[in-house]
Amino acid sequence: MQTMARTRIALNESEFFLAQGEDAVELRGRIEEAIQTGGGFVEFSVVGNRSVSVLISSVTHVVISVETVEFDARDTGDSAVPYGGEYDLL
């Protein structure tokens, strides 16, 4: 079985799995920058090749974790080719 690392980001009460190719270290830097500048929207791609935009402020709780999961070839990070959830019905 082929595996891959899956990064989960929890923002307050919402959780997202980052798309493959989404750099968690770089995302963490953008979140820290948003906090240091008084807040702002931070965008990233999640599993299903969807884009997410989150308003980050000094009171946003952020947890980033990594786990090993079975490889999913659909998880390319390309938001032009979404999959999962309601997209599977198309």
C-alpha atoms as a PDB file:
ATOM      1  CA  MET A   1       0.000   0.000   0.000  1.00  0.00           C
ATOM      2  CA  GLN A   2       1.328   3.425  -0.973  1.00  0.00           C
ATOM      3  CA  THR A   3       0.999   6.120   1.684  1.00  0.00           C
ATOM      4  CA  MET A   4       1.285   9.890   1.927  1.00  0.00           C
ATOM      5  CA  ALA A   5       1.413  12.514   4.649  1.00  0.00           C
ATOM      6  CA  ARG A   6      -1.911  14.245   5.317  1.00  0.00           C
ATOM      7  CA  THR A   7      -1.826  17.587   7.124  1.00  0.00           C
ATOM      8  CA  ARG A   8      -4.835  18.666   9.170  1.00  0.00           C
ATOM      9  CA  ILE A   9      -5.394  22.280  10.182  1.00  0.00           C
ATOM     10  CA  ALA A  10      -7.936  23.149  12.858  1.00  0.00           C
ATOM     11  CA  LEU A  11      -9.069  26.767  12.972  1.00  0.00           C
ATOM     12  CA  ASN A  12     -11.275  27.421  15.980  1.00  0.00           C
ATOM     13  CA  GLU A  13     -14.038  24.815  15.485  1.00  0.00           C
ATOM     14  CA  SER A  14     -13.417  24.074  11.783  1.00  0.00           C
ATOM     15  CA  GLU A  15     -11.003  21.420  10.530  1.00  0.00           C
ATOM     16  CA  PHE A  16      -9.524  20.974   7.068  1.00  0.00           C
ATOM     17  CA  PHE A  17      -7.136  18.493   5.459  1.00  0.00           C
ATOM     18  CA  LEU A  18      -4.608  20.340   3.311  1.00  0.00           C
ATOM     19  CA  ALA A  19      -4.274  19.287  -0.329  1.00  0.00           C
ATOM     20  CA  GLN A  20      -1.052  17.581  -1.337  1.00  0.00           C
ATOM     21  CA  GLY A  21       1.430  20.230  -2.379  1.00  0.00           C
ATOM     22  CA  GLU A  22       0.080  22.758   0.140  1.00  0.00           C
ATOM     23  CA  ASP A  23       3.170  23.678   2.172  1.00  0.00           C
ATOM     24  CA  ALA A  24       2.224  23.607   5.880  1.00  0.00           C
ATOM     25  CA  VAL A  25       5.350  25.534   6.930  1.00  0.00           C
ATOM     26  CA  GLU A  26       4.631  28.287   4.394  1.00  0.00           C
ATOM     27  CA  LEU A  27       0.956  28.362   5.439  1.00  0.00           C
ATOM     28  CA  ARG A  28       1.981  28.689   9.072  1.00  0.00           C
ATOM     29  CA  GLY A  29       4.139  31.663   8.089  1.00  0.00           C
ATOM     30  CA  ARG A  30       1.202  33.321   6.312  1.00  0.00           C
ATOM     31  CA  ILE A  31      -0.993  32.764   9.374  1.00  0.00           C
ATOM     32  CA  GLU A  32       1.655  34.263  11.663  1.00  0.00           C
ATOM     33  CA  GLU A  33       2.023  37.236   9.301  1.00  0.00           C
ATOM     34  CA  ALA A  34      -1.745  37.826   9.305  1.00  0.00           C
ATOM     35  CA  ILE A  35      -1.748  37.849  13.108  1.00  0.00           C
ATOM     36  CA  GLN A  36       1.247  40.205  13.300  1.00  0.00           C
ATOM     37  CA  THR A  37      -0.407  42.686  10.935  1.00  0.00           C
ATOM     38  CA  GLY A  38      -3.664  42.806  12.890  1.00  0.00           C
ATOM     39  CA  GLY A  39      -5.519  40.053  11.010  1.00  0.00           C
ATOM     40  CA  GLY A  40      -6.490  39.185   7.473  1.00  0.00           C
ATOM     41  CA  PHE A  41      -7.704  36.465   5.153  1.00  0.00           C
ATOM     42  CA  VAL A  42      -5.400  33.518   4.473  1.00  0.00           C
ATOM     43  CA  GLU A  43      -6.156  31.227   1.528  1.00  0.00           C
ATOM     44  CA  PHE A  44      -5.151  27.598   1.068  1.00  0.00           C
ATOM     45  CA  SER A  45      -6.192  24.456  -0.848  1.00  0.00           C
ATOM     46  CA  VAL A  46      -7.812  21.503   0.897  1.00  0.00           C
ATOM     47  CA  VAL A  47      -8.455  17.865   0.032  1.00  0.00           C
ATOM     48  CA  GLY A  48     -11.002  17.760  -2.747  1.00  0.00           C
ATOM     49  CA  ASN A  49      -9.020  20.449  -4.566  1.00  0.00           C
ATOM     50  CA  ARG A  50     -11.130  23.215  -3.041  1.00  0.00           C
ATOM     51  CA  SER A  51      -9.919  26.679  -2.077  1.00  0.00           C
ATOM     52  CA  VAL A  52     -10.585  27.946   1.444  1.00  0.00           C
ATOM     53  CA  SER A  53     -10.210  31.508   2.698  1.00  0.00           C
ATOM     54  CA  VAL A  54     -10.134  32.009   6.475  1.00  0.00           C
ATOM     55  CA  LEU A  55     -10.122  35.260   8.425  1.00  0.00           C
ATOM     56  CA  ILE A  56      -7.214  35.002  10.862  1.00  0.00           C
ATOM     57  CA  SER A  57      -6.967  37.258  13.925  1.00  0.00           C
ATOM     58  CA  SER A  58      -5.123  37.308  17.243  1.00  0.00           C
ATOM     59  CA  VAL A  59      -7.903  35.223  18.831  1.00  0.00           C
ATOM     60  CA  THR A  60      -7.970  32.468  16.168  1.00  0.00           C
ATOM     61  CA  HIS A  61      -6.955  29.081  17.594  1.00  0.00           C
ATOM     62  CA  VAL A  62      -4.792  27.183  15.094  1.00  0.00           C
ATOM     63  CA  VAL A  63      -3.592  23.568  15.385  1.00  0.00           C
ATOM     64  CA  ILE A  64      -1.616  21.865  12.594  1.00  0.00           C
ATOM     65  CA  SER A  65      -1.009  18.102  12.708  1.00  0.00           C
ATOM     66  CA  VAL A  66       0.341  15.484  10.282  1.00  0.00           C
ATOM     67  CA  GLU A  67      -0.666  11.829   9.867  1.00  0.00           C
ATOM     68  CA  THR A  68       0.135   9.037   7.401  1.00  0.00           C
ATOM     69  CA  VAL A  69      -2.768   7.915   5.186  1.00  0.00           C
ATOM     70  CA  GLU A  70      -3.337   5.770   2.105  1.00  0.00           C
ATOM     71  CA  PHE A  71      -2.321   7.545  -1.119  1.00  0.00           C
ATOM     72  CA  ASP A  72      -5.164   9.228  -3.061  1.00  0.00           C
ATOM     73  CA  ALA A  73      -4.202  10.114  -6.652  1.00  0.00           C
ATOM     74  CA  ARG A  74      -7.128  12.557  -6.916  1.00  0.00           C
ATOM     75  CA  ASP A  75      -5.578  14.833  -4.288  1.00  0.00           C
ATOM     76  CA  THR A  76      -3.548  17.047  -6.626  1.00  0.00           C
ATOM     77  CA  GLY A  77      -4.299  20.480  -5.150  1.00  0.00           C
ATOM     78  CA  ASP A  78      -5.738  21.608  -8.499  1.00  0.00           C
ATOM     79  CA  SER A  79      -8.876  23.622  -7.646  1.00  0.00           C
ATOM     80  CA  ALA A  80      -9.969  23.384 -11.300  1.00  0.00           C
ATOM     81  CA  VAL A  81     -10.604  19.647 -10.711  1.00  0.00           C
ATOM     82  CA  PRO A  82     -12.554  19.395  -7.425  1.00  0.00           C
ATOM     83  CA  TYR A  83     -13.806  16.108  -6.015  1.00  0.00           C
ATOM     84  CA  GLY A  84     -15.543  14.856  -2.889  1.00  0.00           C
ATOM     85  CA  GLY A  85     -18.860  15.722  -1.288  1.00  0.00           C
ATOM     86  CA  GLU A  86     -21.310  17.439  -3.603  1.00  0.00           C
ATOM     87  CA  TYR A  87     -18.739  17.388  -6.415  1.00  0.00           C
ATOM     88  CA  ASP A  88     -19.045  13.590  -6.680  1.00  0.00           C
ATOM     89  CA  LEU A  89     -22.654  14.064  -7.817  1.00  0.00           C
ATOM     90  CA  LEU A  90     -21.682  15.916 -11.003  1.00  0.00           C
END
